[in-house]
Amino acid sequence: MSRREAIELGVQAQAVLDNPAMQRAVVSARERYVKTWVSSEPGEHDVREHAYLALRALDALMNELTILLDNGTLAAQQIEREESRNGR
């Protein structure tokens, strides 16, 4: 992936992370999974496992978006440094 592509993906990831609907959906999903996990009965291993895996998947998604954002930021900084060294 080129630096320009990384920058564009970073911009898009930032837009997703800043989107109020996305933020609300993530908070709501996280609360629902935690509530399911905590309120499960002792014999409901599958319910707890599903809630735990859903939380992990949600965390993984948010982590991937953050990585895209960070990669884009780093790519932009690299381009800026190179351009300043080259007198642009």
C-alpha atoms as a PDB file:
ATOM      1  CA  MET A   1       0.000   0.000   0.000  1.00  0.00           C
ATOM      2  CA  SER A   2       1.329   3.418  -0.877  1.00  0.00           C
ATOM      3  CA  ARG A   3       1.639   6.214   1.647  1.00  0.00           C
ATOM      4  CA  ARG A   4      -1.120   8.142  -0.103  1.00  0.00           C
ATOM      5  CA  GLU A   5      -3.432   5.118   0.213  1.00  0.00           C
ATOM      6  CA  ALA A   6      -2.525   4.798   3.909  1.00  0.00           C
ATOM      7  CA  ILE A   7      -3.351   8.468   4.418  1.00  0.00           C
ATOM      8  CA  GLU A   8      -6.733   8.087   2.706  1.00  0.00           C
ATOM      9  CA  LEU A   9      -7.588   5.002   4.770  1.00  0.00           C
ATOM     10  CA  GLY A  10      -6.547   6.884   7.895  1.00  0.00           C
ATOM     11  CA  VAL A  11      -8.868   9.751   7.012  1.00  0.00           C
ATOM     12  CA  GLN A  12     -11.710   7.305   6.423  1.00  0.00           C
ATOM     13  CA  ALA A  13     -10.980   5.473   9.695  1.00  0.00           C
ATOM     14  CA  GLN A  14     -11.039   8.802  11.554  1.00  0.00           C
ATOM     15  CA  ALA A  15     -14.424   9.588  10.024  1.00  0.00           C
ATOM     16  CA  VAL A  16     -15.788   6.229  11.190  1.00  0.00           C
ATOM     17  CA  LEU A  17     -14.348   6.631  14.690  1.00  0.00           C
ATOM     18  CA  ASP A  18     -15.734  10.181  14.965  1.00  0.00           C
ATOM     19  CA  ASN A  19     -19.170   9.256  13.610  1.00  0.00           C
ATOM     20  CA  PRO A  20     -21.791   9.704  16.368  1.00  0.00           C
ATOM     21  CA  ALA A  21     -23.886   6.793  15.067  1.00  0.00           C
ATOM     22  CA  MET A  22     -20.849   4.505  15.145  1.00  0.00           C
ATOM     23  CA  GLN A  23     -19.926   5.674  18.637  1.00  0.00           C
ATOM     24  CA  ARG A  24     -23.458   5.066  19.887  1.00  0.00           C
ATOM     25  CA  ALA A  25     -23.618   1.639  18.236  1.00  0.00           C
ATOM     26  CA  VAL A  26     -20.312   0.569  19.790  1.00  0.00           C
ATOM     27  CA  VAL A  27     -21.296   1.753  23.260  1.00  0.00           C
ATOM     28  CA  SER A  28     -24.714   0.120  22.982  1.00  0.00           C
ATOM     29  CA  ALA A  29     -23.303  -3.179  21.730  1.00  0.00           C
ATOM     30  CA  ARG A  30     -20.606  -3.215  24.418  1.00  0.00           C
ATOM     31  CA  GLU A  31     -23.186  -2.554  27.163  1.00  0.00           C
ATOM     32  CA  ARG A  32     -25.478  -5.280  25.814  1.00  0.00           C
ATOM     33  CA  TYR A  33     -22.673  -7.860  25.649  1.00  0.00           C
ATOM     34  CA  VAL A  34     -21.429  -7.022  29.144  1.00  0.00           C
ATOM     35  CA  LYS A  35     -24.974  -7.162  30.546  1.00  0.00           C
ATOM     36  CA  THR A  36     -25.520 -10.554  28.896  1.00  0.00           C
ATOM     37  CA  TRP A  37     -22.216 -11.809  30.239  1.00  0.00           C
ATOM     38  CA  VAL A  38     -22.793 -10.580  33.793  1.00  0.00           C
ATOM     39  CA  SER A  39     -26.426 -11.644  34.035  1.00  0.00           C
ATOM     40  CA  SER A  40     -25.912 -15.138  32.643  1.00  0.00           C
ATOM     41  CA  GLU A  41     -26.807 -18.052  34.884  1.00  0.00           C
ATOM     42  CA  PRO A  42     -24.124 -20.450  36.164  1.00  0.00           C
ATOM     43  CA  GLY A  43     -25.019 -23.140  33.607  1.00  0.00           C
ATOM     44  CA  GLU A  44     -25.097 -20.775  30.632  1.00  0.00           C
ATOM     45  CA  HIS A  45     -21.518 -21.242  29.511  1.00  0.00           C
ATOM     46  CA  ASP A  46     -22.451 -20.811  25.829  1.00  0.00           C
ATOM     47  CA  VAL A  47     -24.188 -17.490  26.528  1.00  0.00           C
ATOM     48  CA  ARG A  48     -21.134 -16.155  28.363  1.00  0.00           C
ATOM     49  CA  GLU A  49     -18.789 -17.443  25.675  1.00  0.00           C
ATOM     50  CA  HIS A  50     -20.824 -15.776  22.924  1.00  0.00           C
ATOM     51  CA  ALA A  51     -20.900 -12.444  24.809  1.00  0.00           C
ATOM     52  CA  TYR A  52     -17.157 -12.657  25.488  1.00  0.00           C
ATOM     53  CA  LEU A  53     -16.354 -13.410  21.851  1.00  0.00           C
ATOM     54  CA  ALA A  54     -18.618 -10.590  20.692  1.00  0.00           C
ATOM     55  CA  LEU A  55     -16.792  -8.163  22.991  1.00  0.00           C
ATOM     56  CA  ARG A  56     -13.440  -9.361  21.670  1.00  0.00           C
ATOM     57  CA  ALA A  57     -14.631  -8.931  18.071  1.00  0.00           C
ATOM     58  CA  LEU A  58     -15.859  -5.411  18.819  1.00  0.00           C
ATOM     59  CA  ASP A  59     -12.508  -4.557  20.402  1.00  0.00           C
ATOM     60  CA  ALA A  60     -10.673  -6.035  17.393  1.00  0.00           C
ATOM     61  CA  LEU A  61     -12.707  -3.896  14.988  1.00  0.00           C
ATOM     62  CA  MET A  62     -11.999  -0.725  16.943  1.00  0.00           C
ATOM     63  CA  ASN A  63      -8.325  -1.668  17.143  1.00  0.00           C
ATOM     64  CA  GLU A  64      -8.112  -2.160  13.365  1.00  0.00           C
ATOM     65  CA  LEU A  65      -9.681   1.252  12.761  1.00  0.00           C
ATOM     66  CA  THR A  66      -7.177   2.812  15.158  1.00  0.00           C
ATOM     67  CA  ILE A  67      -4.296   1.079  13.366  1.00  0.00           C
ATOM     68  CA  LEU A  68      -5.498   2.452  10.014  1.00  0.00           C
ATOM     69  CA  LEU A  69      -5.720   5.923  11.542  1.00  0.00           C
ATOM     70  CA  ASP A  70      -2.232   5.666  13.058  1.00  0.00           C
ATOM     71  CA  ASN A  71      -0.721   4.333   9.835  1.00  0.00           C
ATOM     72  CA  GLY A  72      -2.243   7.222   7.911  1.00  0.00           C
ATOM     73  CA  THR A  73      -0.888   9.735  10.405  1.00  0.00           C
ATOM     74  CA  LEU A  74       2.599   8.225  10.184  1.00  0.00           C
ATOM     75  CA  ALA A  75       2.483   8.194   6.381  1.00  0.00           C
ATOM     76  CA  ALA A  76       1.495  11.864   6.332  1.00  0.00           C
ATOM     77  CA  GLN A  77       4.348  12.729   8.699  1.00  0.00           C
ATOM     78  CA  GLN A  78       6.830  10.810   6.541  1.00  0.00           C
ATOM     79  CA  ILE A  79       5.702  12.633   3.417  1.00  0.00           C
ATOM     80  CA  GLU A  80       5.896  15.967   5.203  1.00  0.00           C
ATOM     81  CA  ARG A  81       9.458  15.270   6.427  1.00  0.00           C
ATOM     82  CA  GLU A  82      10.591  14.185   2.973  1.00  0.00           C
ATOM     83  CA  GLU A  83       9.069  17.244   1.345  1.00  0.00           C
ATOM     84  CA  SER A  84      10.670  19.583   3.891  1.00  0.00           C
ATOM     85  CA  ARG A  85      14.075  17.928   3.308  1.00  0.00           C
ATOM     86  CA  ASN A  86      13.657  18.339  -0.423  1.00  0.00           C
ATOM     87  CA  GLY A  87      12.730  22.002  -0.078  1.00  0.00           C
ATOM     88  CA  ARG A  88       9.095  21.677  -1.085  1.00  0.00           C
END
